[in-house]
C-alpha atoms as a PDB file:
ATOM      1  CA  MET A   1       0.000   0.000   0.000  1.00  0.00           C
ATOM      2  CA  LYS A   2       1.504   3.296  -1.040  1.00  0.00           C
ATOM      3  CA  THR A   3       0.381   5.889   1.499  1.00  0.00           C
ATOM      4  CA  VAL A   4       1.904   8.689  -0.590  1.00  0.00           C
ATOM      5  CA  ASP A   5      -0.319   7.768  -3.541  1.00  0.00           C
ATOM      6  CA  ARG A   6      -3.402   7.287  -1.392  1.00  0.00           C
ATOM      7  CA  SER A   7      -3.049  10.013   1.196  1.00  0.00           C
ATOM      8  CA  ILE A   8      -6.357  11.668   0.303  1.00  0.00           C
ATOM      9  CA  LEU A   9      -9.666   9.955  -0.261  1.00  0.00           C
ATOM     10  CA  VAL A  10     -12.614  11.865  -1.630  1.00  0.00           C
ATOM     11  CA  LEU A  11     -15.861  10.439  -0.373  1.00  0.00           C
ATOM     12  CA  SER A  12     -18.595  11.372  -2.823  1.00  0.00           C
ATOM     13  CA  THR A  13     -22.229  10.599  -3.142  1.00  0.00           C
ATOM     14  CA  LEU A  14     -25.090  11.688  -5.322  1.00  0.00           C
ATOM     15  CA  ILE A  15     -27.989  13.323  -3.559  1.00  0.00           C
ATOM     16  CA  LEU A  16     -31.291  13.024  -5.378  1.00  0.00           C
ATOM     17  CA  LEU A  17     -33.249  16.223  -5.005  1.00  0.00           C
ATOM     18  CA  GLY A  18     -36.812  15.324  -5.850  1.00  0.00           C
ATOM     19  CA  SER A  19     -36.171  13.978  -9.322  1.00  0.00           C
ATOM     20  CA  ALA A  20     -36.848  10.508 -10.617  1.00  0.00           C
ATOM     21  CA  ALA A  21     -33.336   9.874 -11.872  1.00  0.00           C
ATOM     22  CA  THR A  22     -32.823   6.255 -12.838  1.00  0.00           C
ATOM     23  CA  THR A  23     -29.107   6.390 -13.508  1.00  0.00           C
ATOM     24  CA  LEU A  24     -26.351   7.621 -11.253  1.00  0.00           C
ATOM     25  CA  ALA A  25     -23.642   7.413 -13.895  1.00  0.00           C
ATOM     26  CA  ALA A  26     -24.092  10.929 -15.233  1.00  0.00           C
ATOM     27  CA  PRO A  27     -25.445  13.557 -12.849  1.00  0.00           C
ATOM     28  CA  SER A  28     -28.151  15.674 -14.414  1.00  0.00           C
ATOM     29  CA  ALA A  29     -30.638  18.318 -13.374  1.00  0.00           C
ATOM     30  CA  GLY A  30     -31.963  17.734  -9.871  1.00  0.00           C
ATOM     31  CA  VAL A  31     -28.934  15.701  -8.755  1.00  0.00           C
ATOM     32  CA  GLU A  32     -26.252  17.171  -6.546  1.00  0.00           C
ATOM     33  CA  VAL A  33     -22.841  15.560  -6.061  1.00  0.00           C
ATOM     34  CA  VAL A  34     -21.601  16.020  -2.518  1.00  0.00           C
ATOM     35  CA  SER A  35     -18.066  15.117  -1.502  1.00  0.00           C
ATOM     36  CA  ARG A  36     -15.860  15.188   1.538  1.00  0.00           C
ATOM     37  CA  VAL A  37     -12.080  14.826   1.630  1.00  0.00           C
ATOM     38  CA  VAL A  38     -10.750  12.251   4.085  1.00  0.00           C
ATOM     39  CA  ARG A  39      -7.030  12.584   4.753  1.00  0.00           C
ATOM     40  CA  PHE A  40      -5.067   9.643   6.073  1.00  0.00           C
ATOM     41  CA  LYS A  41      -1.413  10.273   5.330  1.00  0.00           C
ATOM     42  CA  ASP A  42      -0.839  10.329   9.083  1.00  0.00           C
ATOM     43  CA  LEU A  43      -2.191   6.786   9.527  1.00  0.00           C
ATOM     44  CA  ASP A  44      -0.391   3.466   9.192  1.00  0.00           C
ATOM     45  CA  LEU A  45      -2.933   1.257   7.441  1.00  0.00           C
ATOM     46  CA  SER A  46      -0.840  -1.837   8.114  1.00  0.00           C
ATOM     47  CA  THR A  47      -1.992  -1.698  11.743  1.00  0.00           C
ATOM     48  CA  ALA A  48      -5.404  -2.341  13.228  1.00  0.00           C
ATOM     49  CA  VAL A  49      -5.314   1.024  14.989  1.00  0.00           C
ATOM     50  CA  GLY A  50      -4.612   2.892  11.751  1.00  0.00           C
ATOM     51  CA  ALA A  51      -7.266   0.996   9.796  1.00  0.00           C
ATOM     52  CA  GLN A  52      -9.858   1.586  12.533  1.00  0.00           C
ATOM     53  CA  ALA A  53      -9.010   5.295  12.664  1.00  0.00           C
ATOM     54  CA  LEU A  54      -9.467   5.629   8.895  1.00  0.00           C
ATOM     55  CA  TYR A  55     -12.728   3.688   9.046  1.00  0.00           C
ATOM     56  CA  GLU A  56     -14.036   6.108  11.668  1.00  0.00           C
ATOM     57  CA  ARG A  57     -13.040   9.068   9.465  1.00  0.00           C
ATOM     58  CA  ILE A  58     -14.795   7.483   6.472  1.00  0.00           C
ATOM     59  CA  THR A  59     -18.014   6.799   8.400  1.00  0.00           C
ATOM     60  CA  THR A  60     -18.007  10.341   9.782  1.00  0.00           C
ATOM     61  CA  ALA A  61     -17.593  11.744   6.268  1.00  0.00           C
ATOM     62  CA  ALA A  62     -20.404   9.485   5.030  1.00  0.00           C
ATOM     63  CA  ARG A  63     -22.733  10.844   7.722  1.00  0.00           C
ATOM     64  CA  ILE A  64     -21.921  14.377   6.563  1.00  0.00           C
ATOM     65  CA  VAL A  65     -22.302  13.829   2.810  1.00  0.00           C
ATOM     66  CA  CYS A  66     -25.450  11.733   3.161  1.00  0.00           C
ATOM     67  CA  ARG A  67     -27.418  13.861   5.606  1.00  0.00           C
ATOM     68  CA  GLU A  68     -29.608  15.319   2.832  1.00  0.00           C
ATOM     69  CA  ALA A  69     -30.130  12.044   0.943  1.00  0.00           C
ATOM     70  CA  ALA A  70     -33.607  10.631   0.413  1.00  0.00           C
ATOM     71  CA  ASP A  71     -32.440   7.262   1.829  1.00  0.00           C
ATOM     72  CA  VAL A  72     -29.758   8.164   4.363  1.00  0.00           C
ATOM     73  CA  ARG A  73     -28.898   4.590   5.383  1.00  0.00           C
ATOM     74  CA  ASP A  74     -28.492   3.391   1.813  1.00  0.00           C
ATOM     75  CA  CYS A  75     -26.434   6.459   0.931  1.00  0.00           C
ATOM     76  CA  ARG A  76     -24.113   5.931   3.896  1.00  0.00           C
ATOM     77  CA  ALA A  77     -23.695   2.238   3.156  1.00  0.00           C
ATOM     78  CA  HIS A  78     -22.778   2.893  -0.484  1.00  0.00           C
ATOM     79  CA  ALA A  79     -20.477   5.809   0.347  1.00  0.00           C
ATOM     80  CA  VAL A  80     -18.556   3.803   2.957  1.00  0.00           C
ATOM     81  CA  GLU A  81     -18.385   0.713   0.747  1.00  0.00           C
ATOM     82  CA  ASP A  82     -17.041   2.731  -2.201  1.00  0.00           C
ATOM     83  CA  ALA A  83     -14.491   4.552  -0.042  1.00  0.00           C
ATOM     84  CA  VAL A  84     -13.208   1.361   1.591  1.00  0.00           C
ATOM     85  CA  ARG A  85     -12.918  -0.337  -1.804  1.00  0.00           C
ATOM     86  CA  SER A  86     -11.053   2.630  -3.310  1.00  0.00           C
ATOM     87  CA  VAL A  87      -8.408   2.615  -0.571  1.00  0.00           C
ATOM     88  CA  GLY A  88      -7.570  -1.020  -1.298  1.00  0.00           C
ATOM     89  CA  SER A  89      -6.332  -1.904   2.174  1.00  0.00           C
ATOM     90  CA  PRO A  90      -7.077  -5.503   3.248  1.00  0.00           C
ATOM     91  CA  LEU A  91      -7.049  -4.487   6.911  1.00  0.00           C
ATOM     92  CA  LEU A  92      -9.470  -1.611   6.295  1.00  0.00           C
ATOM     93  CA  SER A  93     -11.720  -3.993   4.358  1.00  0.00           C
ATOM     94  CA  SER A  94     -11.625  -6.359   7.332  1.00  0.00           C
ATOM     95  CA  VAL A  95     -12.617  -3.567   9.735  1.00  0.00           C
ATOM     96  CA  HIS A  96     -15.489  -2.660   7.419  1.00  0.00           C
ATOM     97  CA  GLY A  97     -16.588  -6.283   7.096  1.00  0.00           C
ATOM     98  CA  SER A  98     -16.604  -6.692  10.873  1.00  0.00           C
ATOM     99  CA  SER A  99     -18.687  -3.554  11.288  1.00  0.00           C
ATOM    100  CA  VAL A 100     -21.234  -4.646   8.668  1.00  0.00           C
ATOM    101  CA  ASN A 101     -21.506  -8.107  10.245  1.00  0.00           C
ATOM    102  CA  ARG A 102     -22.132  -6.628  13.720  1.00  0.00           C
ATOM    103  CA  VAL A 103     -24.951  -4.453  12.343  1.00  0.00           C
ATOM    104  CA  GLU A 104     -26.513  -7.446  10.566  1.00  0.00           C
ATOM    105  CA  GLU A 105     -26.393  -9.495  13.792  1.00  0.00           C
ATOM    106  CA  VAL A 106     -28.212  -6.761  15.714  1.00  0.00           C
ATOM    107  CA  VAL A 107     -30.853  -6.441  12.984  1.00  0.00           C
ATOM    108  CA  LEU A 108     -31.472 -10.191  12.950  1.00  0.00           C
ATOM    109  CA  ARG A 109     -32.080 -10.347  16.707  1.00  0.00           C
END
């Protein structure tokens, strides 16, 4: 993992503003793209502590960019999933997977 190359992550999401857009590939009228920069050059993603710290930054950014979304939970889930995937850190992916599994366990109870 090259931290120099991946020191900034832009967490973006599309916010639907009352339109019936069926595609998210090309934003059009009534769709706003919201983004938030997540910096992590200061973190060592080869450690559990670093991966957890980045995950917390990503989830915080997702809460911010998705607060106006029609389906906040779905927006947050997609934003976090996309951000974790774009970083490409196996340890970060593991932290994310553990978090998703804990939420699913609670929902199933």
